[in-house]
Protein backbone atom coordinates (compact mmCIF):
# COMPACT_ATOMS: atom_id res chain seq x y z
CA MET A 1 0.00 0.00 0.00
CA ASN A 2 1.19 3.52 -0.77
CA ASP A 3 1.93 5.96 2.01
CA PRO A 4 -1.08 8.08 3.02
CA VAL A 5 -1.43 11.49 1.41
CA VAL A 6 -2.33 12.84 4.84
CA GLN A 7 -1.92 11.24 8.24
CA LEU A 8 -3.10 12.80 11.48
CA THR A 9 -1.74 11.46 14.74
CA ASN A 10 -3.35 12.46 18.04
CA LEU A 11 -4.39 15.88 16.69
CA THR A 12 -5.72 18.22 19.39
CA ARG A 13 -7.06 21.76 19.49
CA SER A 14 -8.38 23.71 22.48
CA PHE A 15 -9.69 27.24 23.00
CA GLU A 16 -10.20 29.43 26.04
CA GLN A 17 -13.60 31.12 26.17
CA GLY A 18 -14.75 33.09 29.16
CA GLY A 19 -12.11 31.43 31.29
CA VAL A 20 -13.35 27.99 30.25
CA ARG A 21 -11.26 25.53 28.26
CA ILE A 22 -13.07 24.07 25.25
CA ASP A 23 -11.56 20.96 23.68
CA VAL A 24 -12.63 20.97 20.03
CA LEU A 25 -10.33 18.17 18.85
CA ARG A 26 -9.37 15.57 21.44
CA GLY A 27 -6.94 13.26 19.72
CA VAL A 28 -7.94 12.81 16.08
CA ASN A 29 -6.28 10.00 14.13
CA LEU A 30 -6.88 9.69 10.39
CA ALA A 31 -5.11 8.45 7.27
CA VAL A 32 -6.30 9.30 3.74
CA GLN A 33 -4.83 7.20 0.94
CA PRO A 34 -3.86 8.42 -2.54
CA GLY A 35 -6.95 8.80 -4.71
CA GLU A 36 -9.34 8.25 -1.78
CA ILE A 37 -12.28 10.61 -1.19
CA VAL A 38 -13.30 10.72 2.47
CA ALA A 39 -16.43 12.41 3.80
CA LEU A 40 -15.98 14.15 7.15
CA LEU A 41 -19.45 14.07 8.63
CA GLY A 42 -20.70 16.01 11.63
CA PRO A 43 -23.25 18.63 12.66
CA SER A 44 -22.51 22.34 12.54
CA GLY A 45 -20.18 23.29 15.36
CA SER A 46 -18.67 19.83 15.70
CA GLY A 47 -15.19 20.99 14.69
CA LYS A 48 -15.09 19.97 11.02
CA SER A 49 -13.79 23.35 9.87
CA THR A 50 -11.22 23.38 12.67
CA LEU A 51 -9.98 19.99 11.54
CA LEU A 52 -9.69 21.14 7.92
CA GLN A 53 -7.82 24.27 9.02
CA ALA A 54 -5.33 22.01 10.77
CA VAL A 55 -4.87 19.71 7.77
CA GLY A 56 -4.59 22.72 5.47
CA LEU A 57 -1.87 24.29 7.65
CA LEU A 58 -3.92 27.47 7.85
CA GLU A 59 -3.25 28.27 11.49
CA GLY A 60 -1.22 27.14 14.46
CA GLY A 61 -2.14 26.11 17.98
CA PHE A 62 -2.67 22.41 17.25
CA GLY A 63 -1.13 19.55 19.14
CA GLY A 64 -0.14 16.20 17.66
CA ARG A 65 1.35 15.49 14.26
CA ILE A 66 0.25 16.25 10.68
CA ASP A 67 2.00 14.45 7.82
CA ILE A 68 1.20 15.62 4.28
CA ALA A 69 2.63 13.78 1.27
CA GLY A 70 5.29 12.20 3.47
CA THR A 71 6.36 15.45 5.14
CA ASP A 72 5.94 16.13 8.86
CA ALA A 73 4.27 19.52 8.58
CA SER A 74 4.32 19.94 12.36
CA ALA A 75 8.12 20.33 12.22
CA LEU A 76 8.23 22.99 9.49
CA ASP A 77 8.72 26.71 9.88
CA GLY A 78 6.19 29.18 8.49
CA ASP A 79 7.73 29.56 5.03
CA ALA A 80 8.08 25.81 4.52
CA ARG A 81 4.49 25.24 5.64
CA THR A 82 3.30 27.87 3.17
CA ALA A 83 5.23 26.19 0.36
CA LEU A 84 3.85 22.75 1.28
CA ARG A 85 0.31 24.12 1.37
CA ARG A 86 0.75 25.88 -1.99
CA ASP A 87 2.28 22.91 -3.76
CA ARG A 88 0.40 19.95 -2.27
CA VAL A 89 -3.02 21.14 -1.03
CA GLY A 90 -6.07 22.60 -2.79
CA PHE A 91 -9.09 24.20 -1.07
CA VAL A 92 -12.79 24.51 -1.86
CA TYR A 93 -14.97 26.46 0.58
CA GLN A 94 -18.72 26.84 1.03
CA PHE A 95 -18.41 30.37 -0.40
CA HIS A 96 -16.34 30.50 -3.56
CA HIS A 97 -14.05 33.45 -2.59
CA LEU A 98 -13.27 34.19 -6.23
CA LEU A 99 -11.48 37.42 -7.07
CA PRO A 100 -14.32 39.64 -8.37
CA ASP A 101 -12.26 41.68 -10.84
CA PHE A 102 -10.79 38.61 -12.54
CA THR A 103 -12.41 36.35 -15.12
CA ALA A 104 -13.08 32.67 -14.54
CA LEU A 105 -9.95 31.84 -16.53
CA GLU A 106 -7.82 34.35 -14.61
CA ASN A 107 -9.04 33.03 -11.25
CA VAL A 108 -7.74 29.58 -12.18
CA VAL A 109 -4.53 30.87 -13.77
CA LEU A 110 -3.48 33.01 -10.79
CA PRO A 111 -2.58 30.25 -8.27
CA GLN A 112 -0.48 28.60 -10.96
CA LEU A 113 1.47 31.82 -11.54
CA VAL A 114 2.08 32.05 -7.79
CA ALA A 115 3.60 28.56 -8.08
CA ASP A 116 5.87 29.85 -10.90
CA LYS A 117 4.13 28.06 -13.76
CA PRO A 118 4.57 29.74 -17.18
CA LEU A 119 1.58 31.81 -18.25
CA ALA A 120 0.79 29.84 -21.41
CA ALA A 121 0.87 26.51 -19.57
CA ALA A 122 -1.26 27.96 -16.75
CA GLN A 123 -3.85 29.17 -19.26
CA ASP A 124 -3.94 25.76 -20.96
CA ARG A 125 -4.44 24.04 -17.61
CA ALA A 126 -7.22 26.49 -16.65
CA ARG A 127 -9.03 25.93 -19.94
CA GLU A 128 -8.73 22.16 -19.50
CA LEU A 129 -10.24 22.21 -15.99
CA LEU A 130 -12.97 24.72 -16.74
CA GLY A 131 -13.89 22.83 -19.88
CA ALA A 132 -14.19 19.61 -17.89
CA LEU A 133 -16.62 21.41 -15.59
CA GLY A 134 -18.78 22.65 -18.47
CA LEU A 135 -17.51 26.23 -18.37
CA GLY A 136 -15.67 26.30 -21.68
CA GLN A 137 -17.95 29.09 -22.93
CA ARG A 138 -17.67 31.13 -19.72
CA LEU A 139 -13.91 31.64 -19.52
CA ASP A 140 -14.06 35.42 -19.92
CA HIS A 141 -16.93 35.99 -17.49
CA ARG A 142 -16.34 37.57 -14.10
CA PRO A 143 -17.90 36.01 -10.96
CA SER A 144 -20.78 38.52 -10.97
CA GLN A 145 -21.74 37.25 -14.42
CA LEU A 146 -21.86 33.61 -13.30
CA SER A 147 -24.53 31.66 -11.43
CA GLY A 148 -23.84 30.28 -7.97
CA GLY A 149 -23.19 26.83 -9.37
CA GLU A 150 -20.85 28.21 -12.02
CA GLN A 151 -18.93 30.22 -9.44
CA GLN A 152 -18.42 27.12 -7.34
CA ARG A 153 -17.24 25.18 -10.40
CA VAL A 154 -14.60 27.87 -10.95
CA ALA A 155 -13.57 27.46 -7.30
CA VAL A 156 -13.23 23.70 -7.86
CA ALA A 157 -11.04 24.28 -10.93
CA ARG A 158 -8.91 26.75 -8.97
CA ALA A 159 -8.41 24.20 -6.16
CA LEU A 160 -7.16 21.61 -8.65
CA ALA A 161 -5.09 23.97 -10.78
CA ASN A 162 -1.72 23.00 -9.27
CA LYS A 163 -2.50 19.26 -9.29
CA PRO A 164 -2.55 18.95 -5.49
CA ALA A 165 -2.02 15.63 -3.77
CA LEU A 166 -4.86 16.55 -1.40
CA VAL A 167 -8.05 18.57 -1.87
CA LEU A 168 -9.84 19.91 1.21
CA ALA A 169 -13.48 20.91 0.80
CA ASP A 170 -15.50 22.58 3.58
CA GLU A 171 -19.24 22.22 2.85
CA PRO A 172 -18.44 22.83 -0.84
CA THR A 173 -22.09 22.81 -1.94
CA GLY A 174 -23.64 24.17 1.25
CA ASN A 175 -24.50 27.50 -0.38
CA LEU A 176 -26.36 25.94 -3.34
CA ASP A 177 -29.88 24.64 -3.82
CA GLU A 178 -30.23 20.86 -3.68
CA ALA A 179 -30.39 20.18 -7.42
CA THR A 180 -27.40 22.41 -8.18
CA ALA A 181 -25.52 21.01 -5.18
CA ASP A 182 -25.96 17.45 -6.40
CA LYS A 183 -24.71 18.34 -9.88
CA VAL A 184 -21.71 20.35 -8.69
CA LEU A 185 -20.72 17.67 -6.17
CA ALA A 186 -20.92 14.94 -8.82
CA GLU A 187 -18.71 17.00 -11.13
CA PHE A 188 -16.31 17.78 -8.27
CA LEU A 189 -15.95 14.11 -7.29
CA LYS A 190 -15.46 13.00 -10.90
CA LEU A 191 -12.80 15.63 -11.54
CA VAL A 192 -10.95 14.81 -8.30
CA ARG A 193 -10.97 11.12 -9.25
CA ASP A 194 -9.86 11.87 -12.82
CA GLU A 195 -7.01 13.99 -11.47
CA GLY A 196 -5.95 11.26 -9.03
CA SER A 197 -6.04 13.54 -5.98
CA ALA A 198 -7.15 12.49 -2.52
CA ALA A 199 -9.89 14.55 -0.88
CA LEU A 200 -11.30 15.22 2.57
CA VAL A 201 -14.78 16.72 2.28
CA ALA A 202 -16.55 18.17 5.32
CA THR A 203 -20.33 17.99 5.22
CA HIS A 204 -23.33 17.60 7.50
CA ASN A 205 -25.34 15.99 4.70
CA GLU A 206 -25.60 12.21 5.11
CA ARG A 207 -26.92 11.73 1.58
CA LEU A 208 -24.00 13.56 -0.03
CA ALA A 209 -21.52 11.74 2.21
CA ARG A 210 -22.68 8.38 0.91
CA SER A 211 -21.45 9.29 -2.59
CA MET A 212 -17.84 9.25 -1.36
CA ASP A 213 -15.46 6.35 -0.78
CA ARG A 214 -15.53 6.39 3.01
CA VAL A 215 -17.30 8.26 5.79
CA VAL A 216 -15.76 9.29 9.11
CA ARG A 217 -17.75 11.05 11.80
CA LEU A 218 -16.49 13.74 14.12
CA HIS A 219 -18.12 13.31 17.52
CA GLU A 220 -17.06 15.05 20.70
CA GLY A 221 -13.66 15.83 19.28
CA VAL A 222 -12.70 12.38 18.02
CA LEU A 223 -13.36 10.48 14.79
CA GLU A 224 -15.66 7.51 14.65
């Protein structure tokens, strides 16, 4: 078996609120294999977003160990963590967070330029991904000219632009109506599988979770 794309070992996270200690994560252990799509299920407030922030190296304050693509991210300094996140991890959020003054194509090109990819190659990659998501005729449209489902498809393409080993998605269709959500999720899962990435997808929707390879549940700070 290949090494996991991400491995969490005894991951913890606590906050102080009003002088009271709140343990959000209480020793999370998880391994996600290459090409595997895992649903992270739990109600709102259960700590799913906190867990994804940890895996995505978006903030500090976590205990335990996080290995991404064979690298112990817990031992890295800030610059090295940023480079690992840029090169190996893609993100899809509930709200698309597209740059409003940039076209769909430019939103997908930009993260590739940050990773020092040549412009022409970045544009080709953006066209390939957006075309696979049915947006081949919408390349020059800005986010305000796109529907909610189209905006989220652009966000999916952006997350996959640098061919990440791991894609993290936090309620990626939570801002869409049910019919659009089903369609966007199906396209997202197909594209992730076609690209060969692993994915960890946070959701509170049992029905959507069942369309993924495996379901883990976050309950009282640990995974079941």
